Amino acid sequence: MSGQLYNIAQILFFLSTIFGATMAGEHILRLQESVHAGTTLIGVEQGSSVLIRCEHPSGKSGSLRWLRGGTVIKPEYVKTKIDASYVEITNYQPEKDDGVYECSAVGF
């Protein structure tokens, strides 16, 4: 099904208000100081890769938590660096990867 787009996620992000795409397949959520909730709907082509990135305003990426459909995402799908946390989906397949992805700051 080359060229067909699927809705991969309604990305719910708490404490965040800014969404931007930096390069093909990478989406950034930046956490803000004020408590806020928002939803962003993205489309991803089947078989492609996507990187969803979440940043904490104070750089405490270790305090970020990822969930998909209310369940904690397996550690092998989450990558953490000093300033951000990422969920990486390779070879996107709608039947296994569609869902609501949530990034929240634990204890913030």
PDB file of N, CA and C in Angstrom:
ATOM      1  N   MET A   1       0.828  -1.184   0.000  1.00  0.00           N
ATOM      2  CA  MET A   1       0.000   0.000   0.000  1.00  0.00           C
ATOM      3  C   MET A   1       0.866   1.239   0.000  1.00  0.00           C
ATOM      4  N   SER A   2       1.782   1.291  -0.881  1.00  0.00           N
ATOM      5  CA  SER A   2       2.721   2.399  -0.961  1.00  0.00           C
ATOM      6  C   SER A   2       1.997   3.717  -1.194  1.00  0.00           C
ATOM      7  N   GLY A   3       2.427   4.744  -0.486  1.00  0.00           N
ATOM      8  CA  GLY A   3       1.881   6.077  -0.655  1.00  0.00           C
ATOM      9  C   GLY A   3       0.639   6.351   0.160  1.00  0.00           C
ATOM     10  N   GLN A   4       0.066   5.344   0.806  1.00  0.00           N
ATOM     11  CA  GLN A   4      -1.133   5.560   1.594  1.00  0.00           C
ATOM     12  C   GLN A   4      -0.743   5.971   3.009  1.00  0.00           C
ATOM     13  N   LEU A   5      -1.426   6.992   3.548  1.00  0.00           N
ATOM     14  CA  LEU A   5      -1.130   7.464   4.894  1.00  0.00           C
ATOM     15  C   LEU A   5      -2.109   6.858   5.888  1.00  0.00           C
ATOM     16  N   TYR A   6      -1.618   6.562   7.061  1.00  0.00           N
ATOM     17  CA  TYR A   6      -2.441   6.055   8.145  1.00  0.00           C
ATOM     18  C   TYR A   6      -2.291   6.991   9.332  1.00  0.00           C
ATOM     19  N   ASN A   7      -3.323   7.097  10.141  1.00  0.00           N
ATOM     20  CA  ASN A   7      -3.230   7.883  11.363  1.00  0.00           C
ATOM     21  C   ASN A   7      -2.547   7.025  12.404  1.00  0.00           C
ATOM     22  N   ILE A   8      -1.341   7.414  12.793  1.00  0.00           N
ATOM     23  CA  ILE A   8      -0.594   6.612  13.750  1.00  0.00           C
ATOM     24  C   ILE A   8      -1.021   6.906  15.176  1.00  0.00           C
ATOM     25  N   ALA A   9      -1.313   8.144  15.478  1.00  0.00           N
ATOM     26  CA  ALA A   9      -1.555   8.434  16.884  1.00  0.00           C
ATOM     27  C   ALA A   9      -2.226   9.762  17.077  1.00  0.00           C
ATOM     28  N   GLN A  10      -2.983   9.821  18.115  1.00  0.00           N
ATOM     29  CA  GLN A  10      -3.349  11.102  18.670  1.00  0.00           C
ATOM     30  C   GLN A  10      -2.386  11.217  19.836  1.00  0.00           C
ATOM     31  N   ILE A  11      -1.423  12.087  19.705  1.00  0.00           N
ATOM     32  CA  ILE A  11      -0.391  12.184  20.731  1.00  0.00           C
ATOM     33  C   ILE A  11      -0.884  13.137  21.807  1.00  0.00           C
ATOM     34  N   LEU A  12      -1.186  12.568  22.962  1.00  0.00           N
ATOM     35  CA  LEU A  12      -1.598  13.388  24.084  1.00  0.00           C
ATOM     36  C   LEU A  12      -0.360  13.764  24.858  1.00  0.00           C
ATOM     37  N   PHE A  13      -0.171  15.033  25.058  1.00  0.00           N
ATOM     38  CA  PHE A  13       0.995  15.416  25.827  1.00  0.00           C
ATOM     39  C   PHE A  13       0.584  16.408  26.897  1.00  0.00           C
ATOM     40  N   PHE A  14       0.911  16.077  28.120  1.00  0.00           N
ATOM     41  CA  PHE A  14       0.579  16.898  29.255  1.00  0.00           C
ATOM     42  C   PHE A  14       1.732  17.847  29.517  1.00  0.00           C
ATOM     43  N   LEU A  15       1.419  19.037  29.954  1.00  0.00           N
ATOM     44  CA  LEU A  15       2.386  20.094  30.227  1.00  0.00           C
ATOM     45  C   LEU A  15       3.013  20.634  28.947  1.00  0.00           C
ATOM     46  N   SER A  16       2.413  20.371  27.806  1.00  0.00           N
ATOM     47  CA  SER A  16       3.055  20.823  26.580  1.00  0.00           C
ATOM     48  C   SER A  16       2.103  21.603  25.696  1.00  0.00           C
ATOM     49  N   THR A  17       2.682  22.542  24.959  1.00  0.00           N
ATOM     50  CA  THR A  17       1.871  23.372  24.094  1.00  0.00           C
ATOM     51  C   THR A  17       2.482  23.568  22.726  1.00  0.00           C
ATOM     52  N   ILE A  18       3.718  23.152  22.524  1.00  0.00           N
ATOM     53  CA  ILE A  18       4.383  23.409  21.253  1.00  0.00           C
ATOM     54  C   ILE A  18       4.621  22.102  20.526  1.00  0.00           C
ATOM     55  N   PHE A  19       4.243  22.039  19.270  1.00  0.00           N
ATOM     56  CA  PHE A  19       4.494  20.866  18.430  1.00  0.00           C
ATOM     57  C   PHE A  19       5.178  21.345  17.170  1.00  0.00           C
ATOM     58  N   GLY A  20       6.195  20.624  16.737  1.00  0.00           N
ATOM     59  CA  GLY A  20       6.850  20.987  15.492  1.00  0.00           C
ATOM     60  C   GLY A  20       7.487  19.775  14.864  1.00  0.00           C
ATOM     61  N   ALA A  21       7.573  19.773  13.569  1.00  0.00           N
ATOM     62  CA  ALA A  21       8.257  18.696  12.852  1.00  0.00           C
ATOM     63  C   ALA A  21       9.606  19.227  12.414  1.00  0.00           C
ATOM     64  N   THR A  22      10.674  18.515  12.716  1.00  0.00           N
ATOM     65  CA  THR A  22      12.005  18.992  12.381  1.00  0.00           C
ATOM     66  C   THR A  22      12.520  18.377  11.095  1.00  0.00           C
ATOM     67  N   MET A  23      12.402  17.092  10.945  1.00  0.00           N
ATOM     68  CA  MET A  23      12.822  16.433   9.716  1.00  0.00           C
ATOM     69  C   MET A  23      11.835  15.310   9.455  1.00  0.00           C
ATOM     70  N   ALA A  24      11.896  14.739   8.307  1.00  0.00           N
ATOM     71  CA  ALA A  24      10.943  13.689   7.956  1.00  0.00           C
ATOM     72  C   ALA A  24      10.923  12.604   9.020  1.00  0.00           C
ATOM     73  N   GLY A  25       9.760  12.335   9.550  1.00  0.00           N
ATOM     74  CA  GLY A  25       9.605  11.266  10.523  1.00  0.00           C
ATOM     75  C   GLY A  25       9.915  11.638  11.954  1.00  0.00           C
ATOM     76  N   GLU A  26      10.296  12.881  12.239  1.00  0.00           N
ATOM     77  CA  GLU A  26      10.600  13.266  13.621  1.00  0.00           C
ATOM     78  C   GLU A  26       9.615  14.331  14.067  1.00  0.00           C
ATOM     79  N   HIS A  27       9.000  14.105  15.215  1.00  0.00           N
ATOM     80  CA  HIS A  27       8.022  15.032  15.766  1.00  0.00           C
ATOM     81  C   HIS A  27       8.442  15.365  17.188  1.00  0.00           C
ATOM     82  N   ILE A  28       8.401  16.646  17.547  1.00  0.00           N
ATOM     83  CA  ILE A  28       8.885  17.081  18.856  1.00  0.00           C
ATOM     84  C   ILE A  28       7.740  17.621  19.699  1.00  0.00           C
ATOM     85  N   LEU A  29       7.703  17.194  20.957  1.00  0.00           N
ATOM     86  CA  LEU A  29       6.807  17.757  21.956  1.00  0.00           C
ATOM     87  C   LEU A  29       7.686  18.442  22.983  1.00  0.00           C
ATOM     88  N   ARG A  30       7.451  19.719  23.229  1.00  0.00           N
ATOM     89  CA  ARG A  30       8.230  20.439  24.237  1.00  0.00           C
ATOM     90  C   ARG A  30       7.340  20.712  25.441  1.00  0.00           C
ATOM     91  N   LEU A  31       7.772  20.270  26.615  1.00  0.00           N
ATOM     92  CA  LEU A  31       7.003  20.488  27.833  1.00  0.00           C
ATOM     93  C   LEU A  31       7.179  21.920  28.308  1.00  0.00           C
ATOM     94  N   GLN A  32       6.095  22.517  28.743  1.00  0.00           N
ATOM     95  CA  GLN A  32       6.118  23.879  29.258  1.00  0.00           C
ATOM     96  C   GLN A  32       5.857  23.834  30.760  1.00  0.00           C
ATOM     97  N   GLU A  33       6.191  24.930  31.445  1.00  0.00           N
ATOM     98  CA  GLU A  33       6.021  24.991  32.898  1.00  0.00           C
ATOM     99  C   GLU A  33       4.555  24.876  33.311  1.00  0.00           C
ATOM    100  N   SER A  34       3.648  25.500  32.576  1.00  0.00           N
ATOM    101  CA  SER A  34       2.244  25.480  32.967  1.00  0.00           C
ATOM    102  C   SER A  34       1.620  24.128  32.612  1.00  0.00           C
ATOM    103  N   VAL A  35       0.666  23.722  33.423  1.00  0.00           N
ATOM    104  CA  VAL A  35      -0.017  22.462  33.173  1.00  0.00           C
ATOM    105  C   VAL A  35      -0.972  22.681  32.011  1.00  0.00           C
ATOM    106  N   HIS A  36      -0.851  21.849  31.017  1.00  0.00           N
ATOM    107  CA  HIS A  36      -1.642  22.001  29.799  1.00  0.00           C
ATOM    108  C   HIS A  36      -1.785  20.641  29.141  1.00  0.00           C
ATOM    109  N   ALA A  37      -2.835  20.433  28.460  1.00  0.00           N
ATOM    110  CA  ALA A  37      -3.003  19.187  27.712  1.00  0.00           C
ATOM    111  C   ALA A  37      -3.361  19.535  26.280  1.00  0.00           C
ATOM    112  N   GLY A  38      -2.921  18.717  25.373  1.00  0.00           N
ATOM    113  CA  GLY A  38      -3.229  18.953  23.971  1.00  0.00           C
ATOM    114  C   GLY A  38      -3.184  17.650  23.207  1.00  0.00           C
ATOM    115  N   THR A  39      -3.710  17.681  22.007  1.00  0.00           N
ATOM    116  CA  THR A  39      -3.706  16.505  21.149  1.00  0.00           C
ATOM    117  C   THR A  39      -3.208  16.900  19.773  1.00  0.00           C
ATOM    118  N   THR A  40      -2.350  16.089  19.207  1.00  0.00           N
ATOM    119  CA  THR A  40      -1.859  16.300  17.849  1.00  0.00           C
ATOM    120  C   THR A  40      -2.052  15.003  17.082  1.00  0.00           C
ATOM    121  N   LEU A  41      -2.655  15.091  15.916  1.00  0.00           N
ATOM    122  CA  LEU A  41      -2.872  13.921  15.077  1.00  0.00           C
ATOM    123  C   LEU A  41      -1.839  13.933  13.962  1.00  0.00           C
ATOM    124  N   ILE A  42      -1.101  12.832  13.816  1.00  0.00           N
ATOM    125  CA  ILE A  42      -0.098  12.756  12.752  1.00  0.00           C
ATOM    126  C   ILE A  42      -0.403  11.560  11.859  1.00  0.00           C
ATOM    127  N   GLY A  43       0.067  11.621  10.638  1.00  0.00           N
ATOM    128  CA  GLY A  43      -0.081  10.514   9.702  1.00  0.00           C
ATOM    129  C   GLY A  43       1.288   9.990   9.314  1.00  0.00           C
ATOM    130  N   VAL A  44       1.400   8.681   9.206  1.00  0.00           N
ATOM    131  CA  VAL A  44       2.675   8.048   8.864  1.00  0.00           C
ATOM    132  C   VAL A  44       2.411   7.020   7.774  1.00  0.00           C
ATOM    133  N   GLU A  45       3.278   6.961   6.803  1.00  0.00           N
ATOM    134  CA  GLU A  45       3.145   6.004   5.709  1.00  0.00           C
ATOM    135  C   GLU A  45       3.532   4.606   6.191  1.00  0.00           C
ATOM    136  N   GLN A  46       2.755   3.606   5.797  1.00  0.00           N
ATOM    137  CA  GLN A  46       3.037   2.225   6.191  1.00  0.00           C
ATOM    138  C   GLN A  46       4.443   1.834   5.748  1.00  0.00           C
ATOM    139  N   GLY A  47       5.177   1.172   6.654  1.00  0.00           N
ATOM    140  CA  GLY A  47       6.533   0.716   6.362  1.00  0.00           C
ATOM    141  C   GLY A  47       7.609   1.736   6.664  1.00  0.00           C
ATOM    142  N   SER A  48       7.221   2.966   6.968  1.00  0.00           N
ATOM    143  CA  SER A  48       8.218   3.997   7.263  1.00  0.00           C
ATOM    144  C   SER A  48       8.553   4.009   8.753  1.00  0.00           C
ATOM    145  N   SER A  49       9.472   4.870   9.130  1.00  0.00           N
ATOM    146  CA  SER A  49       9.878   5.013  10.527  1.00  0.00           C
ATOM    147  C   SER A  49       9.445   6.371  11.040  1.00  0.00           C
ATOM    148  N   VAL A  50       9.189   6.434  12.327  1.00  0.00           N
ATOM    149  CA  VAL A  50       8.826   7.705  12.952  1.00  0.00           C
ATOM    150  C   VAL A  50       9.524   7.794  14.304  1.00  0.00           C
ATOM    151  N   LEU A  51       9.946   8.989  14.646  1.00  0.00           N
ATOM    152  CA  LEU A  51      10.585   9.264  15.926  1.00  0.00           C
ATOM    153  C   LEU A  51       9.763  10.349  16.602  1.00  0.00           C
ATOM    154  N   ILE A  52       9.197  10.031  17.763  1.00  0.00           N
ATOM    155  CA  ILE A  52       8.410  10.999  18.527  1.00  0.00           C
ATOM    156  C   ILE A  52       9.273  11.422  19.703  1.00  0.00           C
ATOM    157  N   ARG A  53       9.515  12.718  19.808  1.00  0.00           N
ATOM    158  CA  ARG A  53      10.448  13.242  20.808  1.00  0.00           C
ATOM    159  C   ARG A  53       9.701  14.125  21.796  1.00  0.00           C
ATOM    160  N   CYS A  54      10.056  14.007  23.059  1.00  0.00           N
ATOM    161  CA  CYS A  54       9.457  14.813  24.111  1.00  0.00           C
ATOM    162  C   CYS A  54      10.581  15.455  24.915  1.00  0.00           C
ATOM    163  N   GLU A  55      10.491  16.761  25.126  1.00  0.00           N
ATOM    164  CA  GLU A  55      11.518  17.490  25.874  1.00  0.00           C
ATOM    165  C   GLU A  55      10.935  18.037  27.172  1.00  0.00           C
ATOM    166  N   HIS A  56      11.718  18.006  28.232  1.00  0.00           N
ATOM    167  CA  HIS A  56      11.354  18.580  29.526  1.00  0.00           C
ATOM    168  C   HIS A  56      11.989  19.962  29.614  1.00  0.00           C
ATOM    169  N   PRO A  57      11.267  20.991  30.120  1.00  0.00           N
ATOM    170  CA  PRO A  57      11.817  22.351  30.143  1.00  0.00           C
ATOM    171  C   PRO A  57      13.106  22.495  30.946  1.00  0.00           C
ATOM    172  N   SER A  58      13.291  21.660  31.959  1.00  0.00           N
ATOM    173  CA  SER A  58      14.501  21.771  32.774  1.00  0.00           C
ATOM    174  C   SER A  58      15.568  20.767  32.351  1.00  0.00           C
ATOM    175  N   GLY A  59      15.321  20.039  31.273  1.00  0.00           N
ATOM    176  CA  GLY A  59      16.301  19.070  30.785  1.00  0.00           C
ATOM    177  C   GLY A  59      16.309  17.763  31.548  1.00  0.00           C
ATOM    178  N   LYS A  60      15.286  17.499  32.360  1.00  0.00           N
ATOM    179  CA  LYS A  60      15.224  16.270  33.157  1.00  0.00           C
ATOM    180  C   LYS A  60      14.519  15.166  32.370  1.00  0.00           C
ATOM    181  N   SER A  61      15.156  14.682  31.331  1.00  0.00           N
ATOM    182  CA  SER A  61      14.505  13.678  30.486  1.00  0.00           C
ATOM    183  C   SER A  61      14.239  12.371  31.233  1.00  0.00           C
ATOM    184  N   GLY A  62      14.980  12.108  32.289  1.00  0.00           N
ATOM    185  CA  GLY A  62      14.769  10.894  33.068  1.00  0.00           C
ATOM    186  C   GLY A  62      13.441  10.879  33.793  1.00  0.00           C
ATOM    187  N   SER A  63      12.804  12.052  33.942  1.00  0.00           N
ATOM    188  CA  SER A  63      11.517  12.118  34.624  1.00  0.00           C
ATOM    189  C   SER A  63      10.342  12.043  33.652  1.00  0.00           C
ATOM    190  N   LEU A  64      10.618  11.803  32.373  1.00  0.00           N
ATOM    191  CA  LEU A  64       9.551  11.688  31.381  1.00  0.00           C
ATOM    192  C   LEU A  64       9.078  10.243  31.287  1.00  0.00           C
ATOM    193  N   ARG A  65       7.777  10.080  31.106  1.00  0.00           N
ATOM    194  CA  ARG A  65       7.183   8.747  31.023  1.00  0.00           C
ATOM    195  C   ARG A  65       6.354   8.659  29.738  1.00  0.00           C
ATOM    196  N   TRP A  66       6.481   7.554  29.020  1.00  0.00           N
ATOM    197  CA  TRP A  66       5.739   7.327  27.782  1.00  0.00           C
ATOM    198  C   TRP A  66       4.699   6.233  27.986  1.00  0.00           C
ATOM    199  N   LEU A  67       3.498   6.485  27.467  1.00  0.00           N
ATOM    200  CA  LEU A  67       2.439   5.485  27.490  1.00  0.00           C
ATOM    201  C   LEU A  67       1.814   5.394  26.101  1.00  0.00           C
ATOM    202  N   ARG A  68       1.288   4.245  25.795  1.00  0.00           N
ATOM    203  CA  ARG A  68       0.512   4.042  24.562  1.00  0.00           C
ATOM    204  C   ARG A  68      -0.790   3.374  24.972  1.00  0.00           C
ATOM    205  N   GLY A  69      -1.888   4.062  24.749  1.00  0.00           N
ATOM    206  CA  GLY A  69      -3.189   3.525  25.153  1.00  0.00           C
ATOM    207  C   GLY A  69      -3.299   3.334  26.652  1.00  0.00           C
ATOM    208  N   GLY A  70      -2.615   4.166  27.432  1.00  0.00           N
ATOM    209  CA  GLY A  70      -2.667   4.083  28.887  1.00  0.00           C
ATOM    210  C   GLY A  70      -1.715   3.074  29.504  1.00  0.00           C
ATOM    211  N   THR A  71      -0.953   2.356  28.682  1.00  0.00           N
ATOM    212  CA  THR A  71      -0.003   1.351  29.160  1.00  0.00           C
ATOM    213  C   THR A  71       1.422   1.841  28.913  1.00  0.00           C
ATOM    214  N   VAL A  72       2.287   1.633  29.893  1.00  0.00           N
ATOM    215  CA  VAL A  72       3.682   2.056  29.757  1.00  0.00           C
ATOM    216  C   VAL A  72       4.312   1.363  28.550  1.00  0.00           C
ATOM    217  N   ILE A  73       5.012   2.140  27.737  1.00  0.00           N
ATOM    218  CA  ILE A  73       5.663   1.613  26.536  1.00  0.00           C
ATOM    219  C   ILE A  73       6.898   0.815  26.939  1.00  0.00           C
ATOM    220  N   LYS A  74       7.121  -0.315  26.281  1.00  0.00           N
ATOM    221  CA  LYS A  74       8.271  -1.172  26.583  1.00  0.00           C
ATOM    222  C   LYS A  74       9.570  -0.386  26.437  1.00  0.00           C
ATOM    223  N   PRO A  75      10.525  -0.604  27.360  1.00  0.00           N
ATOM    224  CA  PRO A  75      11.792   0.147  27.350  1.00  0.00           C
ATOM    225  C   PRO A  75      12.560   0.074  26.038  1.00  0.00           C
ATOM    226  N   GLU A  76      12.445  -1.018  25.286  1.00  0.00           N
ATOM    227  CA  GLU A  76      13.208  -1.119  24.041  1.00  0.00           C
ATOM    228  C   GLU A  76      12.727  -0.136  22.972  1.00  0.00           C
ATOM    229  N   TYR A  77      11.542   0.447  23.166  1.00  0.00           N
ATOM    230  CA  TYR A  77      11.029   1.441  22.218  1.00  0.00           C
ATOM    231  C   TYR A  77      11.311   2.872  22.665  1.00  0.00           C
ATOM    232  N   VAL A  78      11.797   3.043  23.891  1.00  0.00           N
ATOM    233  CA  VAL A  78      12.054   4.380  24.440  1.00  0.00           C
ATOM    234  C   VAL A  78      13.552   4.607  24.533  1.00  0.00           C
ATOM    235  N   LYS A  79      13.984   5.730  24.011  1.00  0.00           N
ATOM    236  CA  LYS A  79      15.394   6.109  24.082  1.00  0.00           C
ATOM    237  C   LYS A  79      15.474   7.426  24.847  1.00  0.00           C
ATOM    238  N   THR A  80      16.442   7.527  25.743  1.00  0.00           N
ATOM    239  CA  THR A  80      16.577   8.731  26.554  1.00  0.00           C
ATOM    240  C   THR A  80      17.954   9.333  26.371  1.00  0.00           C
ATOM    241  N   LYS A  81      17.976  10.629  26.156  1.00  0.00           N
ATOM    242  CA  LYS A  81      19.218  11.391  26.119  1.00  0.00           C
ATOM    243  C   LYS A  81      19.115  12.451  27.201  1.00  0.00           C
ATOM    244  N   ILE A  82      20.149  13.244  27.379  1.00  0.00           N
ATOM    245  CA  ILE A  82      20.171  14.234  28.450  1.00  0.00           C
ATOM    246  C   ILE A  82      18.990  15.189  28.373  1.00  0.00           C
ATOM    247  N   ASP A  83      18.684  15.687  27.183  1.00  0.00           N
ATOM    248  CA  ASP A  83      17.676  16.732  27.059  1.00  0.00           C
ATOM    249  C   ASP A  83      16.304  16.264  26.579  1.00  0.00           C
ATOM    250  N   ALA A  84      16.151  15.003  26.207  1.00  0.00           N
ATOM    251  CA  ALA A  84      14.876  14.562  25.648  1.00  0.00           C
ATOM    252  C   ALA A  84      14.715  13.048  25.742  1.00  0.00           C
ATOM    253  N   SER A  85      13.478  12.619  25.542  1.00  0.00           N
ATOM    254  CA  SER A  85      13.133  11.208  25.495  1.00  0.00           C
ATOM    255  C   SER A  85      12.431  10.958  24.160  1.00  0.00           C
ATOM    256  N   TYR A  86      12.632   9.781  23.580  1.00  0.00           N
ATOM    257  CA  TYR A  86      12.126   9.472  22.250  1.00  0.00           C
ATOM    258  C   TYR A  86      11.404   8.137  22.239  1.00  0.00           C
ATOM    259  N   VAL A  87      10.368   8.040  21.419  1.00  0.00           N
ATOM    260  CA  VAL A  87       9.774   6.752  21.079  1.00  0.00           C
ATOM    261  C   VAL A  87      10.071   6.556  19.606  1.00  0.00           C
ATOM    262  N   GLU A  88      10.676   5.422  19.273  1.00  0.00           N
ATOM    263  CA  GLU A  88      11.039   5.144  17.889  1.00  0.00           C
ATOM    264  C   GLU A  88      10.231   3.963  17.363  1.00  0.00           C
ATOM    265  N   ILE A  89       9.556   4.191  16.249  1.00  0.00           N
ATOM    266  CA  ILE A  89       8.797   3.136  15.588  1.00  0.00           C
ATOM    267  C   ILE A  89       9.446   2.912  14.232  1.00  0.00           C
ATOM    268  N   THR A  90       9.924   1.703  14.000  1.00  0.00           N
ATOM    269  CA  THR A  90      10.505   1.378  12.697  1.00  0.00           C
ATOM    270  C   THR A  90       9.539   0.450  11.970  1.00  0.00           C
ATOM    271  N   ASN A  91       9.490   0.552  10.668  1.00  0.00           N
ATOM    272  CA  ASN A  91       8.588  -0.260   9.852  1.00  0.00           C
ATOM    273  C   ASN A  91       7.157  -0.187  10.375  1.00  0.00           C
ATOM    274  N   TYR A  92       6.625   1.029  10.388  1.00  0.00           N
ATOM    275  CA  TYR A  92       5.280   1.287  10.908  1.00  0.00           C
ATOM    276  C   TYR A  92       4.225   0.396  10.252  1.00  0.00           C
ATOM    277  N   GLN A  93       3.454  -0.296  11.097  1.00  0.00           N
ATOM    278  CA  GLN A  93       2.334  -1.127  10.661  1.00  0.00           C
ATOM    279  C   GLN A  93       1.117  -0.693  11.478  1.00  0.00           C
ATOM    280  N   PRO A  94       0.058  -0.209  10.835  1.00  0.00           N
ATOM    281  CA  PRO A  94      -1.079   0.344  11.573  1.00  0.00           C
ATOM    282  C   PRO A  94      -1.702  -0.618  12.573  1.00  0.00           C
ATOM    283  N   GLU A  95      -1.759  -1.904  12.244  1.00  0.00           N
ATOM    284  CA  GLU A  95      -2.411  -2.860  13.150  1.00  0.00           C
ATOM    285  C   GLU A  95      -1.650  -3.036  14.463  1.00  0.00           C
ATOM    286  N   LYS A  96      -0.357  -2.758  14.492  1.00  0.00           N
ATOM    287  CA  LYS A  96       0.393  -2.904  15.748  1.00  0.00           C
ATOM    288  C   LYS A  96       0.874  -1.576  16.324  1.00  0.00           C
ATOM    289  N   ASP A  97       0.913  -0.509  15.527  1.00  0.00           N
ATOM    290  CA  ASP A  97       1.500   0.746  16.000  1.00  0.00           C
ATOM    291  C   ASP A  97       0.507   1.890  16.193  1.00  0.00           C
ATOM    292  N   ASP A  98      -0.715   1.791  15.634  1.00  0.00           N
ATOM    293  CA  ASP A  98      -1.706   2.848  15.840  1.00  0.00           C
ATOM    294  C   ASP A  98      -2.030   2.963  17.321  1.00  0.00           C
ATOM    295  N   GLY A  99      -2.346   4.159  17.760  1.00  0.00           N
ATOM    296  CA  GLY A  99      -2.760   4.330  19.138  1.00  0.00           C
ATOM    297  C   GLY A  99      -2.528   5.730  19.645  1.00  0.00           C
ATOM    298  N   VAL A 100      -2.873   5.926  20.892  1.00  0.00           N
ATOM    299  CA  VAL A 100      -2.673   7.196  21.577  1.00  0.00           C
ATOM    300  C   VAL A 100      -1.357   7.107  22.330  1.00  0.00           C
ATOM    301  N   TYR A 101      -0.397   7.969  21.969  1.00  0.00           N
ATOM    302  CA  TYR A 101       0.911   8.021  22.620  1.00  0.00           C
ATOM    303  C   TYR A 101       0.922   9.226  23.543  1.00  0.00           C
ATOM    304  N   GLU A 102       1.383   9.017  24.772  1.00  0.00           N
ATOM    305  CA  GLU A 102       1.361  10.071  25.779  1.00  0.00           C
ATOM    306  C   GLU A 102       2.739  10.224  26.404  1.00  0.00           C
ATOM    307  N   CYS A 103       3.176  11.458  26.503  1.00  0.00           N
ATOM    308  CA  CYS A 103       4.416  11.779  27.204  1.00  0.00           C
ATOM    309  C   CYS A 103       4.046  12.683  28.364  1.00  0.00           C
ATOM    310  N   SER A 104       4.456  12.325  29.562  1.00  0.00           N
ATOM    311  CA  SER A 104       4.168  13.164  30.716  1.00  0.00           C
ATOM    312  C   SER A 104       5.388  13.225  31.618  1.00  0.00           C
ATOM    313  N   ALA A 105       5.469  14.301  32.383  1.00  0.00           N
ATOM    314  CA  ALA A 105       6.573  14.482  33.318  1.00  0.00           C
ATOM    315  C   ALA A 105       6.158  13.917  34.668  1.00  0.00           C
ATOM    316  N   VAL A 106       6.897  12.948  35.147  1.00  0.00           N
ATOM    317  CA  VAL A 106       6.609  12.311  36.426  1.00  0.00           C
ATOM    318  C   VAL A 106       7.112  13.204  37.553  1.00  0.00           C
ATOM    319  N   GLY A 107       6.244  13.493  38.511  1.00  0.00           N
ATOM    320  CA  GLY A 107       6.640  14.283  39.673  1.00  0.00           C
ATOM    321  C   GLY A 107       6.985  15.719  39.363  1.00  0.00           C
ATOM    322  N   PHE A 108       6.446  16.254  38.288  1.00  0.00           N
ATOM    323  CA  PHE A 108       6.765  17.636  37.894  1.00  0.00           C
ATOM    324  C   PHE A 108       5.811  18.586  38.542  1.00  0.00           C
TER     325      PHE A 108
END
